[in-house]
Protein backbone atom coordinates (compact mmCIF):
# COMPACT_ATOMS: atom_id res chain seq x y z
CA MET A 1 85.14 25.38 -6.06
CA SER A 2 81.75 25.70 -7.99
CA GLU A 3 79.98 25.95 -4.67
CA ASN A 4 82.27 28.74 -3.41
CA ASN A 5 81.81 30.47 -6.69
CA ALA A 6 77.86 30.25 -6.40
CA THR A 7 78.11 31.70 -2.85
CA MET A 8 80.42 34.55 -3.98
CA SER A 9 78.16 35.26 -7.10
CA ALA A 10 75.28 35.76 -4.67
CA GLY A 11 77.12 38.54 -2.83
CA MET A 12 78.13 36.58 0.28
CA PRO A 13 81.58 35.37 1.54
CA ALA A 14 82.22 31.68 1.36
CA SER A 15 82.57 31.55 5.07
CA ALA A 16 79.29 33.32 5.80
CA PRO A 17 77.00 31.20 8.26
CA ALA A 18 73.68 29.98 7.13
CA PHE A 19 70.80 32.32 7.89
CA GLY A 20 69.48 31.53 11.50
CA SER A 21 72.34 29.27 12.23
CA ASP A 22 73.31 31.72 15.05
CA VAL A 23 69.85 31.66 16.74
CA LYS A 24 70.33 29.88 20.18
CA ARG A 25 67.68 27.88 21.71
CA LEU A 26 66.53 29.35 24.93
CA PRO A 27 66.00 27.35 28.10
CA LEU A 28 62.44 26.97 29.47
CA LYS A 29 63.13 29.49 32.12
CA ASP A 30 64.08 32.36 29.64
CA LEU A 31 61.03 31.48 27.45
CA LEU A 32 58.64 31.86 30.16
CA LYS A 33 60.19 35.26 31.05
CA ARG A 34 59.42 36.44 27.48
CA ILE A 35 55.63 35.46 27.46
CA GLY A 36 55.00 38.14 30.48
CA PRO A 37 53.17 40.41 28.02
CA GLY A 38 50.97 37.57 26.77
CA LEU A 39 50.11 36.69 30.49
CA ILE A 40 49.27 40.27 31.18
CA ALA A 41 46.90 40.44 28.35
CA THR A 42 45.29 37.08 29.38
CA GLY A 43 44.98 38.35 32.90
CA ILE A 44 43.24 41.71 31.65
CA VAL A 45 40.81 39.98 29.17
CA ILE A 46 39.73 36.91 31.33
CA GLY A 47 38.08 38.37 34.41
CA PRO A 48 35.32 37.42 36.77
CA GLY A 49 32.80 38.62 34.08
CA ALA A 50 33.86 35.37 31.98
CA VAL A 51 33.30 33.12 34.89
CA THR A 52 29.95 34.65 36.05
CA THR A 53 28.41 35.20 32.68
CA ALA A 54 29.29 31.71 31.40
CA SER A 55 27.87 30.26 34.53
CA MET A 56 24.48 32.47 34.08
CA ILE A 57 24.23 31.42 30.53
CA GLY A 58 24.95 27.75 31.48
CA ALA A 59 22.29 27.93 34.03
CA ASN A 60 19.64 29.71 31.89
CA TYR A 61 20.20 28.07 28.36
CA GLY A 62 22.24 24.96 29.08
CA TYR A 63 24.09 24.09 25.75
CA ASP A 64 21.77 25.82 23.55
CA LEU A 65 24.05 28.95 22.83
CA MET A 66 27.01 26.81 22.41
CA TRP A 67 26.93 27.67 18.57
CA LEU A 68 28.13 31.33 19.71
CA PHE A 69 31.52 30.02 20.18
CA PHE A 70 32.13 29.72 16.59
CA PRO A 71 31.29 33.33 15.46
CA ILE A 72 32.99 34.56 18.68
CA ILE A 73 36.21 32.74 17.67
CA PHE A 74 35.98 33.73 14.08
CA MET A 75 35.66 37.49 15.27
CA GLY A 76 38.49 37.19 17.90
CA ILE A 77 40.96 35.88 15.38
CA THR A 78 39.90 38.27 12.60
CA PHE A 79 40.22 41.40 14.89
CA MET A 80 43.52 40.17 16.08
CA MET A 81 44.85 39.47 12.54
CA VAL A 82 43.59 42.98 11.41
CA THR A 83 45.30 44.63 14.50
CA ASN A 84 48.57 42.89 13.77
CA ARG A 85 48.52 43.75 9.99
CA LEU A 86 47.81 47.42 10.77
CA ALA A 87 50.53 47.47 13.31
CA ILE A 88 52.99 46.24 10.69
CA VAL A 89 51.93 48.32 7.68
CA THR A 90 51.67 51.47 9.63
CA GLY A 91 54.54 50.87 12.11
CA MET A 92 52.34 52.15 15.06
CA PRO A 93 49.73 51.12 17.58
CA THR A 94 46.24 51.18 16.36
CA ILE A 95 45.10 54.28 18.24
CA HIS A 96 48.16 56.27 17.04
CA ALA A 97 47.35 55.06 13.44
CA ILE A 98 43.71 56.29 13.89
CA ARG A 99 45.19 59.69 14.84
CA LYS A 100 47.48 59.72 11.79
CA TYR A 101 44.95 58.83 9.37
CA TYR A 102 41.60 60.09 10.66
CA GLY A 103 42.77 63.06 13.00
CA PRO A 104 42.82 63.74 16.69
CA VAL A 105 39.10 63.83 17.13
CA ALA A 106 38.78 60.41 15.91
CA SER A 107 41.49 59.14 18.05
CA GLY A 108 40.15 61.04 21.05
CA ILE A 109 36.49 59.43 20.55
CA VAL A 110 38.13 55.90 20.23
CA GLY A 111 40.22 56.50 23.27
CA CYS A 112 37.35 57.76 25.30
CA ALA A 113 34.98 54.79 24.32
CA MET A 114 37.73 52.22 25.09
CA PHE A 115 38.38 53.98 28.43
CA LEU A 116 34.75 53.74 29.33
CA SER A 117 34.73 50.15 28.38
CA CYS A 118 37.55 49.35 30.76
CA LEU A 119 35.95 51.42 33.28
CA PHE A 120 32.82 49.08 33.38
CA PHE A 121 35.19 46.18 33.29
CA THR A 122 36.71 47.70 36.55
CA MET A 123 33.29 47.73 38.20
CA GLY A 124 32.89 44.07 37.31
CA ASN A 125 36.34 43.31 38.70
CA ILE A 126 35.72 44.95 42.00
CA SER A 127 32.48 42.96 42.31
CA GLY A 128 34.43 39.81 41.44
CA THR A 129 37.09 40.19 43.95
CA GLY A 130 34.42 41.00 46.44
CA ALA A 131 32.45 37.75 45.49
CA GLY A 132 35.82 35.82 45.78
CA MET A 133 36.64 37.16 49.36
CA ASN A 134 33.01 36.68 50.38
CA LEU A 135 33.18 32.81 49.39
CA ILE A 136 36.57 32.26 50.99
CA PHE A 137 36.44 34.24 54.17
CA GLY A 138 32.70 34.87 54.57
CA LEU A 139 33.48 38.74 54.43
CA ASP A 140 30.82 41.19 53.21
CA TRP A 141 31.71 41.50 49.48
CA LYS A 142 32.22 45.21 49.78
CA ILE A 143 34.69 44.79 52.55
CA GLY A 144 36.55 42.12 50.66
CA SER A 145 36.84 44.23 47.55
CA ALA A 146 37.89 47.08 49.49
CA ILE A 147 40.78 45.28 50.97
CA MET A 148 41.88 44.01 47.52
CA ILE A 149 41.61 47.49 46.10
CA ALA A 150 43.99 48.75 48.78
CA VAL A 151 46.56 46.00 47.49
CA VAL A 152 45.98 47.31 44.02
CA VAL A 153 46.66 51.08 44.93
CA TYR A 154 49.90 50.06 46.66
CA MET A 155 50.98 48.17 43.42
CA TYR A 156 50.27 51.30 41.35
CA PHE A 157 52.50 53.36 43.32
CA ALA A 158 55.38 50.91 43.99
CA LYS A 159 58.56 50.98 41.89
CA ASN A 160 58.98 48.74 38.95
CA VAL A 161 55.14 48.45 38.48
CA TYR A 162 55.46 46.00 35.50
CA SER A 163 57.60 43.64 37.05
CA LYS A 164 55.19 43.28 40.01
CA VAL A 165 52.10 43.15 37.85
CA GLU A 166 53.55 40.45 35.57
CA LYS A 167 54.49 38.19 38.60
CA ILE A 168 51.10 38.60 40.35
CA ILE A 169 48.95 38.02 37.08
CA THR A 170 51.23 34.92 36.47
CA LEU A 171 50.05 33.43 39.76
CA CYS A 172 46.28 34.43 39.14
CA ILE A 173 46.28 32.68 35.76
CA VAL A 174 46.67 29.34 37.60
CA LEU A 175 43.52 30.13 39.66
CA MET A 176 41.74 31.29 36.40
CA ILE A 177 42.14 27.85 34.84
CA VAL A 178 39.87 26.38 37.65
CA ALA A 179 37.21 28.88 36.64
CA PHE A 180 36.92 27.51 33.17
CA TYR A 181 36.22 24.07 34.45
CA ALA A 182 33.79 25.39 36.83
CA THR A 183 31.71 27.07 34.20
CA LEU A 184 31.17 23.70 32.23
CA VAL A 185 29.19 22.41 35.35
CA GLY A 186 26.78 25.41 35.13
CA ALA A 187 25.10 23.97 32.23
CA VAL A 188 24.84 20.43 33.68
CA VAL A 189 23.87 21.12 37.20
CA LEU A 190 21.82 24.21 37.21
CA HIS A 191 20.09 24.12 33.95
CA PRO A 192 18.02 21.03 34.56
CA GLN A 193 16.88 22.34 37.90
CA GLY A 194 15.71 25.57 36.46
CA LEU A 195 17.99 27.52 38.85
CA SER A 196 19.46 30.76 38.08
CA ILE A 197 22.41 32.57 39.71
CA LYS A 198 21.76 35.55 41.81
CA ALA A 199 24.51 35.41 44.55
CA PRO A 200 28.29 34.31 44.85
CA ALA A 201 27.09 31.25 47.04
CA GLN A 202 25.08 29.85 44.03
CA LEU A 203 28.38 29.81 41.81
CA ALA A 204 30.02 27.60 44.38
CA GLU A 205 26.92 25.47 44.48
CA MET A 206 27.74 24.37 40.84
CA LEU A 207 30.78 22.54 42.09
CA VAL A 208 29.29 20.80 45.25
CA PRO A 209 28.30 17.62 43.31
CA ILE A 210 32.01 17.09 42.29
CA MET A 211 33.90 18.96 44.69
CA GLY A 212 31.86 18.58 47.87
CA GLY A 213 32.63 21.04 50.82
CA SER A 214 35.62 22.51 49.01
CA ALA A 215 33.57 23.92 46.29
CA ARG A 216 33.21 27.37 48.13
CA TYR A 217 36.80 27.81 48.24
CA ILE A 218 37.70 26.73 44.75
CA MET A 219 35.21 29.11 43.26
CA GLY A 220 36.21 31.72 45.56
CA LEU A 221 39.86 31.40 44.61
CA ALA A 222 38.94 31.39 40.84
CA LEU A 223 36.79 34.62 41.15
CA LEU A 224 39.43 36.18 43.26
CA GLY A 225 42.28 35.36 40.83
CA ALA A 226 40.29 36.46 37.83
CA GLY A 227 39.07 39.68 39.39
CA PHE A 228 42.32 40.80 41.09
CA SER A 229 44.46 40.19 37.89
CA SER A 230 41.98 42.12 35.79
CA LEU A 231 41.48 44.67 38.21
CA LEU A 232 45.33 45.25 38.75
CA ALA A 233 45.99 45.57 34.86
CA ASN A 234 42.69 46.52 33.33
CA THR A 235 42.53 49.95 35.07
CA GLN A 236 45.97 50.85 33.70
CA ARG A 237 44.83 49.68 30.21
CA GLY A 238 42.03 52.00 30.30
CA MET A 239 44.09 54.98 31.18
CA VAL A 240 46.72 53.93 28.52
CA LEU A 241 44.12 53.82 25.90
CA LEU A 242 42.56 57.14 27.02
CA GLY A 243 46.18 58.66 27.12
CA ALA A 244 47.00 57.24 23.53
CA GLY A 245 43.84 58.68 22.11
CA LEU A 246 44.58 62.10 23.73
CA ASP A 247 48.22 61.95 22.89
CA LYS A 248 49.46 61.85 26.45
CA ASP A 249 52.26 60.20 28.25
CA VAL A 250 51.21 56.53 28.69
CA SER A 251 54.23 55.15 30.60
CA LEU A 252 52.68 53.13 33.72
CA GLU A 253 54.94 55.33 36.13
CA SER A 254 53.67 58.57 34.64
CA LYS A 255 51.57 60.98 36.88
CA PHE A 256 48.75 60.86 34.19
CA ILE A 257 48.45 56.93 34.46
CA ARG A 258 48.73 56.81 38.28
CA ILE A 259 46.55 59.50 39.31
CA GLY A 260 44.01 58.49 36.51
CA CYS A 261 43.95 54.85 37.94
CA LEU A 262 43.40 56.08 41.50
CA ALA A 263 40.50 58.30 40.15
CA CYS A 264 38.92 55.32 38.20
CA LEU A 265 39.10 53.20 41.13
CA VAL A 266 37.40 55.64 43.44
CA PHE A 267 34.70 56.20 40.93
CA ALA A 268 34.02 52.58 40.43
CA MET A 269 34.06 51.83 44.08
CA VAL A 270 31.23 54.70 44.55
CA VAL A 271 29.22 53.05 41.84
CA CYS A 272 29.58 49.51 43.02
CA TYR A 273 29.07 50.25 46.54
CA SER A 274 25.94 52.12 45.76
CA TYR A 275 24.38 49.34 44.06
CA GLY A 276 21.89 47.41 46.35
CA GLY A 277 21.80 44.09 44.34
CA SER A 278 24.02 41.07 44.19
CA PRO A 279 27.59 41.46 42.99
CA THR A 280 27.08 38.66 40.50
CA GLN A 281 24.28 40.76 38.67
CA LEU A 282 26.64 43.85 38.71
CA ILE A 283 29.34 41.69 37.15
CA LEU A 284 26.94 40.78 34.58
CA MET A 285 25.75 44.07 33.68
CA ALA A 286 29.20 45.60 33.71
CA ASN A 287 30.54 42.76 31.50
CA ILE A 288 27.97 43.47 28.85
CA ALA A 289 28.66 47.26 29.05
CA THR A 290 32.32 46.69 28.13
CA SER A 291 31.13 46.01 24.54
CA ILE A 292 30.65 49.70 23.79
CA ALA A 293 34.10 50.31 22.67
CA THR A 294 33.66 47.76 19.61
CA PRO A 295 31.44 50.15 17.45
CA PHE A 296 33.95 52.90 17.62
CA GLY A 297 37.37 51.11 17.61
CA GLY A 298 36.16 48.48 15.20
CA LEU A 299 34.96 50.96 12.73
CA PHE A 300 38.33 52.74 12.34
CA MET A 301 39.94 49.39 11.95
CA LEU A 302 37.46 48.27 9.34
CA LEU A 303 38.06 51.65 7.49
CA MET A 304 41.87 51.35 7.69
CA ILE A 305 41.88 47.67 6.45
CA TRP A 306 40.14 48.68 3.49
CA ARG A 307 42.49 51.64 2.51
CA ASP A 308 44.53 51.03 -0.51
CA ASP A 309 47.24 53.31 0.47
CA LEU A 310 48.02 51.07 3.37
CA SER A 311 48.51 48.02 1.04
CA VAL A 312 51.28 49.52 -0.91
CA GLY A 313 54.07 47.05 -1.32
CA TYR A 314 51.82 44.27 0.11
CA LYS A 315 49.20 41.91 -1.26
CA LYS A 316 45.83 43.36 -0.76
CA PRO A 317 44.21 41.40 1.95
CA THR A 318 40.91 40.75 0.37
CA GLY A 319 39.86 37.76 2.51
CA LEU A 320 40.84 39.56 5.68
CA ARG A 321 38.90 42.68 4.60
CA ILE A 322 35.83 40.33 4.09
CA CYS A 323 36.14 38.70 7.34
CA MET A 324 36.52 41.94 9.15
CA THR A 325 33.45 43.38 7.41
CA ILE A 326 31.24 40.39 8.54
CA SER A 327 32.83 40.36 12.15
CA TYR A 328 32.10 44.02 12.51
CA ILE A 329 28.55 43.71 11.40
CA PHE A 330 27.97 40.81 13.59
CA ALA A 331 29.75 42.45 16.70
CA VAL A 332 27.49 45.56 16.39
CA ILE A 333 24.34 43.58 16.12
CA MET A 334 25.40 41.78 19.30
CA THR A 335 26.28 44.74 21.02
CA ILE A 336 23.16 46.63 20.30
CA SER A 337 21.12 43.44 21.25
CA GLY A 338 22.92 43.24 24.73
CA LEU A 339 22.98 46.95 25.45
CA SER A 340 19.32 47.26 24.62
CA THR A 341 18.44 45.06 27.51
CA GLN A 342 21.06 46.06 30.02
CA ILE A 343 21.26 49.99 29.71
CA PRO A 344 18.26 50.42 31.86
CA LYS A 345 19.68 48.33 34.58
CA ILE A 346 23.25 50.05 34.27
CA LEU A 347 21.62 53.51 34.37
CA ALA A 348 19.78 52.41 37.57
CA LEU A 349 23.21 52.04 39.26
CA PHE A 350 23.55 55.73 39.45
CA HIS A 351 20.14 56.44 41.05
């Protein structure tokens, strides 16, 4: 009786179920279906640039730059936590929040900067898919990438775009796992020999000591999977971010997104195919150029996390604010350092 009275005094009927008792455990198949957005994000971020850049760094520096993993992980976690918190307290995506608190000019600048970052990433993805096709089938990398771009364009204009993108990227994720193991070999095999990577075939040579004759195809599949998954979703991401900054319709099947993606692919193809050097060198330069979005988008994220009016009703995130400030300063320093050496090479692509 006393237990029932306690329940009633709390404002709940005696027969009310315990909180969370009605939550059912989902089978593995249903759980996998719900991680689709996460897989797409993974497929976008982890492209051929990650494979190629890691291999080149391993070849040139061995394990000397392993310490960079720690600040990079710190920055990645911090930026993600800040983004999540801002989404919770503002109830809107970051670019929309920038528009609300700092105006359309600010959101437009951020949207354009992030769009350009994705556009450079698209150039690297085109080169990466071409390098993968070259290793697997022996095709000229430009012809190989053109074939994969044709597949991407078909996907953009097909019905149920998101569903198709999700399924293909899920398959590509498996291929990308191989790429991470391959890059570990770069520091061990190439660095002691003083070799540097200048062509797709040299990426495959890293795996020869442990994979033998199949190394060429394994690395080719890794590059193709990473490049195609990023190419498929990253171009759409760039247009969505641009549309959000300019307050446009950002649904994947809208005319703005579809036509914009097609224009981006055509422009990126012209730039890539005009480049006379190796696709691996183009991937490296494009990968570094993607960092241009950090000084713009990161600045407004930093300003918003320090706003007291966005912490009303919440405990002030003092620790997160300090971490974000440190992360932003370090990211800007790294961006300036990287671009100062690569901008002349990037500009050379247009001549």
